[in-house]
C-alpha cells in the first residue's frame, strides 16, 4: 500500500492479489532469487498526502487506455515485472468484465 502512494500518488481502492493465495511470488529474472507479488487496485483515489519517492526513482503518472498499455508491454517498453503485472491485470479485468 505504501508503494501505491509513493509511485502512483493513489490510495484506498479494492486490492486484488493476482497470484493465488500462498503463492511464493513471481520470479523477477532467471539470474535472481527475488520474487514479487503483483496486485491490481480497482477504484483507487488520489492520495492527498502521497509518500515521497525513493531518491533513485523517477516515476510519473500517465493515463493510458488498456489497449495501449498492452501494446507497450508487447513492444518491450516496460521492465519484465511490470509486463507480467500488466498481462495478469488485463486478464483479470477481462475475465471479470471490466474490459
N, C-alpha and C. Protein backbone atom coordinates (compact mmCIF):
# COMPACT_ATOMS: atom_id res chain seq x y z
N UNK A 1 0.83 -1.19 0.00
CA UNK A 1 0.00 0.00 0.00
C UNK A 1 0.87 1.25 0.00
N UNK A 2 2.01 1.16 0.64
CA UNK A 2 2.95 2.27 0.65
C UNK A 2 3.40 2.59 -0.78
N UNK A 3 3.68 1.54 -1.56
CA UNK A 3 4.15 1.73 -2.94
C UNK A 3 3.10 2.42 -3.80
N UNK A 4 1.83 2.12 -3.59
CA UNK A 4 0.77 2.76 -4.38
C UNK A 4 0.79 4.26 -4.15
N UNK A 5 0.95 4.67 -2.90
CA UNK A 5 1.01 6.08 -2.57
C UNK A 5 2.27 6.72 -3.13
N UNK A 6 3.39 6.05 -2.92
CA UNK A 6 4.68 6.58 -3.35
C UNK A 6 4.80 6.69 -4.86
N UNK A 7 4.42 5.65 -5.56
CA UNK A 7 4.68 5.59 -7.00
C UNK A 7 3.52 6.10 -7.86
N UNK A 8 2.29 6.05 -7.33
CA UNK A 8 1.14 6.46 -8.13
C UNK A 8 0.37 7.64 -7.54
N UNK A 9 0.73 8.01 -6.32
CA UNK A 9 0.01 9.09 -5.62
C UNK A 9 -1.48 8.75 -5.46
N UNK A 10 -1.75 7.46 -5.25
CA UNK A 10 -3.11 6.96 -5.04
C UNK A 10 -3.17 6.19 -3.73
N UNK A 11 -4.39 5.97 -3.23
CA UNK A 11 -4.58 5.10 -2.07
C UNK A 11 -6.00 4.55 -2.08
N UNK A 12 -6.27 3.72 -1.09
CA UNK A 12 -7.55 3.03 -0.94
C UNK A 12 -7.83 2.12 -2.13
N UNK A 13 -9.09 1.98 -2.51
CA UNK A 13 -9.44 1.09 -3.61
C UNK A 13 -9.54 -0.36 -3.17
N UNK A 14 -9.95 -1.19 -4.08
CA UNK A 14 -10.08 -2.63 -3.83
C UNK A 14 -8.84 -3.34 -4.36
N UNK A 15 -8.11 -3.98 -3.45
CA UNK A 15 -6.85 -4.65 -3.79
C UNK A 15 -7.11 -6.09 -4.19
N UNK A 16 -6.57 -6.48 -5.34
CA UNK A 16 -6.70 -7.85 -5.82
C UNK A 16 -5.31 -8.42 -6.03
N UNK A 17 -5.00 -9.48 -5.29
CA UNK A 17 -3.73 -10.17 -5.50
C UNK A 17 -3.88 -11.01 -6.76
N UNK A 18 -2.94 -10.85 -7.69
CA UNK A 18 -3.06 -11.51 -8.99
C UNK A 18 -2.45 -12.90 -9.03
N UNK A 19 -1.89 -13.34 -7.93
CA UNK A 19 -1.40 -14.72 -7.82
C UNK A 19 -2.28 -15.43 -6.79
N UNK A 20 -2.36 -16.74 -6.84
CA UNK A 20 -3.17 -17.46 -5.86
C UNK A 20 -2.64 -17.28 -4.44
N UNK A 21 -3.52 -17.40 -3.47
CA UNK A 21 -3.12 -17.32 -2.07
C UNK A 21 -2.03 -18.36 -1.79
N UNK A 22 -1.03 -17.97 -1.05
CA UNK A 22 0.06 -18.89 -0.72
C UNK A 22 1.13 -18.99 -1.79
N UNK A 23 0.94 -18.33 -2.91
CA UNK A 23 1.93 -18.36 -3.99
C UNK A 23 3.22 -17.69 -3.50
N UNK A 24 4.40 -18.25 -3.83
CA UNK A 24 5.65 -17.69 -3.33
C UNK A 24 6.06 -16.39 -4.02
N UNK A 25 5.35 -15.98 -5.04
CA UNK A 25 5.67 -14.76 -5.78
C UNK A 25 6.25 -15.10 -7.14
N UNK A 26 6.13 -14.16 -8.05
CA UNK A 26 6.61 -14.33 -9.42
C UNK A 26 8.11 -14.06 -9.44
N UNK A 27 8.87 -14.94 -10.09
CA UNK A 27 10.31 -14.72 -10.20
C UNK A 27 10.56 -13.49 -11.06
N UNK A 28 11.47 -12.64 -10.61
CA UNK A 28 11.76 -11.42 -11.37
C UNK A 28 12.65 -11.68 -12.57
N UNK A 29 13.60 -12.56 -12.43
CA UNK A 29 14.51 -12.88 -13.53
C UNK A 29 15.19 -14.20 -13.24
N UNK A 30 15.65 -14.87 -14.27
CA UNK A 30 16.26 -16.19 -14.07
C UNK A 30 17.57 -16.12 -13.30
N UNK A 31 18.22 -14.97 -13.30
CA UNK A 31 19.51 -14.84 -12.63
C UNK A 31 19.40 -14.24 -11.24
N UNK A 32 18.18 -14.09 -10.73
CA UNK A 32 17.99 -13.51 -9.39
C UNK A 32 17.01 -14.36 -8.59
N UNK A 33 17.17 -14.35 -7.31
CA UNK A 33 16.28 -15.12 -6.44
C UNK A 33 15.08 -14.29 -5.98
N UNK A 34 15.02 -13.03 -6.36
CA UNK A 34 13.94 -12.17 -5.89
C UNK A 34 12.62 -12.50 -6.58
N UNK A 35 11.56 -12.30 -5.83
CA UNK A 35 10.20 -12.55 -6.31
C UNK A 35 9.33 -11.36 -5.94
N UNK A 36 8.22 -11.22 -6.62
CA UNK A 36 7.28 -10.15 -6.28
C UNK A 36 5.86 -10.68 -6.38
N UNK A 37 4.96 -10.02 -5.69
CA UNK A 37 3.55 -10.37 -5.73
C UNK A 37 2.80 -9.23 -6.41
N UNK A 38 2.26 -9.47 -7.62
CA UNK A 38 1.55 -8.40 -8.33
C UNK A 38 0.13 -8.21 -7.78
N UNK A 39 -0.27 -6.96 -7.73
CA UNK A 39 -1.60 -6.58 -7.30
C UNK A 39 -2.23 -5.67 -8.34
N UNK A 40 -3.55 -5.69 -8.37
CA UNK A 40 -4.35 -4.75 -9.14
C UNK A 40 -5.19 -4.00 -8.13
N UNK A 41 -5.30 -2.69 -8.28
CA UNK A 41 -6.15 -1.90 -7.38
C UNK A 41 -7.25 -1.28 -8.23
N UNK A 42 -8.48 -1.59 -7.87
CA UNK A 42 -9.63 -1.08 -8.60
C UNK A 42 -10.25 0.06 -7.80
N UNK A 43 -10.55 1.14 -8.48
CA UNK A 43 -11.17 2.34 -7.91
C UNK A 43 -10.35 3.00 -6.80
N UNK A 44 -9.03 3.17 -7.01
CA UNK A 44 -8.28 3.94 -6.01
C UNK A 44 -8.65 5.42 -6.13
N UNK A 45 -8.26 6.19 -5.14
CA UNK A 45 -8.50 7.63 -5.17
C UNK A 45 -7.17 8.36 -4.98
N UNK A 46 -7.15 9.62 -5.39
CA UNK A 46 -5.93 10.42 -5.22
C UNK A 46 -5.57 10.49 -3.74
N UNK A 47 -4.29 10.33 -3.46
CA UNK A 47 -3.77 10.43 -2.10
C UNK A 47 -3.42 11.90 -1.84
N UNK A 48 -4.10 12.54 -0.89
CA UNK A 48 -3.82 13.96 -0.63
C UNK A 48 -2.44 14.19 -0.02
N UNK A 49 -1.86 13.15 0.57
CA UNK A 49 -0.53 13.23 1.18
C UNK A 49 0.32 12.05 0.73
N UNK A 50 0.69 12.01 -0.56
CA UNK A 50 1.44 10.84 -1.04
C UNK A 50 2.82 10.75 -0.40
N UNK A 51 3.29 9.52 -0.27
CA UNK A 51 4.64 9.27 0.25
C UNK A 51 5.66 9.76 -0.76
N UNK A 52 6.83 10.15 -0.27
CA UNK A 52 7.91 10.59 -1.15
C UNK A 52 8.49 9.41 -1.91
N UNK A 53 8.87 9.65 -3.16
CA UNK A 53 9.55 8.63 -3.94
C UNK A 53 10.96 8.42 -3.37
N UNK A 54 11.46 7.20 -3.57
CA UNK A 54 12.85 6.95 -3.21
C UNK A 54 13.74 7.83 -4.06
N UNK A 55 14.89 8.19 -3.52
CA UNK A 55 15.81 9.11 -4.20
C UNK A 55 16.17 8.67 -5.61
N UNK A 56 16.35 7.37 -5.81
CA UNK A 56 16.80 6.87 -7.11
C UNK A 56 15.66 6.68 -8.11
N UNK A 57 14.43 6.91 -7.68
CA UNK A 57 13.28 6.70 -8.54
C UNK A 57 12.88 7.97 -9.28
N UNK A 58 12.49 7.80 -10.52
CA UNK A 58 11.89 8.88 -11.30
C UNK A 58 10.64 8.29 -11.92
N UNK A 59 9.53 8.44 -11.23
CA UNK A 59 8.27 7.84 -11.65
C UNK A 59 7.26 8.96 -11.87
N UNK A 60 6.54 8.88 -12.97
CA UNK A 60 5.49 9.85 -13.22
C UNK A 60 4.22 9.10 -13.60
N UNK A 61 3.10 9.76 -13.40
CA UNK A 61 1.82 9.17 -13.73
C UNK A 61 1.44 9.51 -15.16
N UNK A 62 0.75 8.59 -15.79
CA UNK A 62 0.21 8.81 -17.12
C UNK A 62 -1.05 7.96 -17.24
N UNK A 63 -2.07 8.49 -17.82
CA UNK A 63 -3.31 7.73 -18.01
C UNK A 63 -3.36 7.26 -19.45
N UNK A 64 -3.40 5.95 -19.62
CA UNK A 64 -3.40 5.36 -20.95
C UNK A 64 -4.55 4.37 -21.07
N UNK A 65 -5.11 4.23 -22.25
CA UNK A 65 -6.12 3.18 -22.45
C UNK A 65 -5.47 1.80 -22.30
N UNK A 66 -6.25 0.85 -21.83
CA UNK A 66 -5.74 -0.51 -21.61
C UNK A 66 -5.09 -1.08 -22.86
N UNK A 67 -5.66 -0.83 -24.02
CA UNK A 67 -5.12 -1.36 -25.27
C UNK A 67 -3.70 -0.84 -25.53
N UNK A 68 -3.45 0.42 -25.22
CA UNK A 68 -2.12 1.00 -25.41
C UNK A 68 -1.12 0.45 -24.39
N UNK A 69 -1.57 0.25 -23.16
CA UNK A 69 -0.70 -0.35 -22.14
C UNK A 69 -0.28 -1.74 -22.57
N UNK A 70 -1.23 -2.52 -23.07
CA UNK A 70 -0.93 -3.87 -23.55
C UNK A 70 0.04 -3.81 -24.72
N UNK A 71 -0.16 -2.88 -25.64
CA UNK A 71 0.72 -2.74 -26.79
C UNK A 71 2.15 -2.41 -26.34
N UNK A 72 2.28 -1.49 -25.38
CA UNK A 72 3.60 -1.12 -24.88
C UNK A 72 4.28 -2.32 -24.20
N UNK A 73 3.50 -3.15 -23.51
CA UNK A 73 4.07 -4.35 -22.88
C UNK A 73 4.59 -5.31 -23.96
N UNK A 74 3.79 -5.54 -24.99
CA UNK A 74 4.23 -6.44 -26.07
C UNK A 74 5.43 -5.89 -26.83
N UNK A 75 5.56 -4.58 -26.90
CA UNK A 75 6.71 -3.97 -27.58
C UNK A 75 7.99 -4.04 -26.76
N UNK A 76 7.88 -4.43 -25.50
CA UNK A 76 9.05 -4.49 -24.63
C UNK A 76 9.44 -3.14 -24.07
N UNK A 77 8.47 -2.24 -23.96
CA UNK A 77 8.73 -0.89 -23.44
C UNK A 77 8.66 -0.82 -21.92
N UNK A 78 8.60 -1.96 -21.26
CA UNK A 78 8.47 -2.00 -19.80
C UNK A 78 9.46 -3.00 -19.24
N UNK A 79 9.74 -2.87 -17.96
CA UNK A 79 10.56 -3.88 -17.28
C UNK A 79 9.73 -5.16 -17.18
N UNK A 80 10.41 -6.29 -17.12
CA UNK A 80 9.71 -7.59 -17.09
C UNK A 80 8.69 -7.71 -15.97
N UNK A 81 8.98 -7.33 -14.72
CA UNK A 81 7.95 -7.43 -13.68
C UNK A 81 6.71 -6.59 -13.99
N UNK A 82 6.92 -5.44 -14.60
CA UNK A 82 5.78 -4.59 -14.98
C UNK A 82 4.97 -5.26 -16.08
N UNK A 83 5.65 -5.82 -17.07
CA UNK A 83 4.95 -6.52 -18.15
C UNK A 83 4.11 -7.67 -17.59
N UNK A 84 4.70 -8.46 -16.71
CA UNK A 84 3.98 -9.59 -16.10
C UNK A 84 2.73 -9.10 -15.39
N UNK A 85 2.88 -8.02 -14.62
CA UNK A 85 1.75 -7.47 -13.90
C UNK A 85 0.68 -6.96 -14.85
N UNK A 86 1.08 -6.29 -15.92
CA UNK A 86 0.13 -5.79 -16.92
C UNK A 86 -0.67 -6.95 -17.51
N UNK A 87 0.00 -8.01 -17.94
CA UNK A 87 -0.71 -9.13 -18.55
C UNK A 87 -1.67 -9.79 -17.57
N UNK A 88 -1.24 -9.96 -16.33
CA UNK A 88 -2.11 -10.57 -15.32
C UNK A 88 -3.29 -9.67 -14.99
N UNK A 89 -3.04 -8.36 -14.89
CA UNK A 89 -4.12 -7.43 -14.57
C UNK A 89 -5.13 -7.35 -15.71
N UNK A 90 -4.66 -7.30 -16.95
CA UNK A 90 -5.58 -7.26 -18.08
C UNK A 90 -6.43 -8.53 -18.15
N UNK A 91 -5.81 -9.67 -17.87
CA UNK A 91 -6.58 -10.92 -17.86
C UNK A 91 -7.68 -10.86 -16.80
N UNK A 92 -7.32 -10.40 -15.60
CA UNK A 92 -8.31 -10.27 -14.53
C UNK A 92 -9.44 -9.34 -14.97
N UNK A 93 -9.09 -8.19 -15.51
CA UNK A 93 -10.10 -7.21 -15.92
C UNK A 93 -11.01 -7.77 -17.02
N UNK A 94 -10.45 -8.53 -17.94
CA UNK A 94 -11.27 -9.14 -19.00
C UNK A 94 -12.15 -10.25 -18.43
N UNK A 95 -11.55 -11.10 -17.60
CA UNK A 95 -12.30 -12.21 -17.02
C UNK A 95 -13.47 -11.74 -16.15
N UNK A 96 -13.32 -10.56 -15.55
CA UNK A 96 -14.36 -10.04 -14.66
C UNK A 96 -15.17 -8.91 -15.31
N UNK A 97 -15.06 -8.84 -16.65
CA UNK A 97 -15.86 -7.94 -17.49
C UNK A 97 -15.72 -6.47 -17.15
N UNK A 98 -14.51 -6.06 -16.73
CA UNK A 98 -14.22 -4.63 -16.60
C UNK A 98 -13.82 -4.07 -17.96
N UNK A 99 -13.29 -4.93 -18.83
CA UNK A 99 -12.91 -4.53 -20.18
C UNK A 99 -13.71 -5.33 -21.20
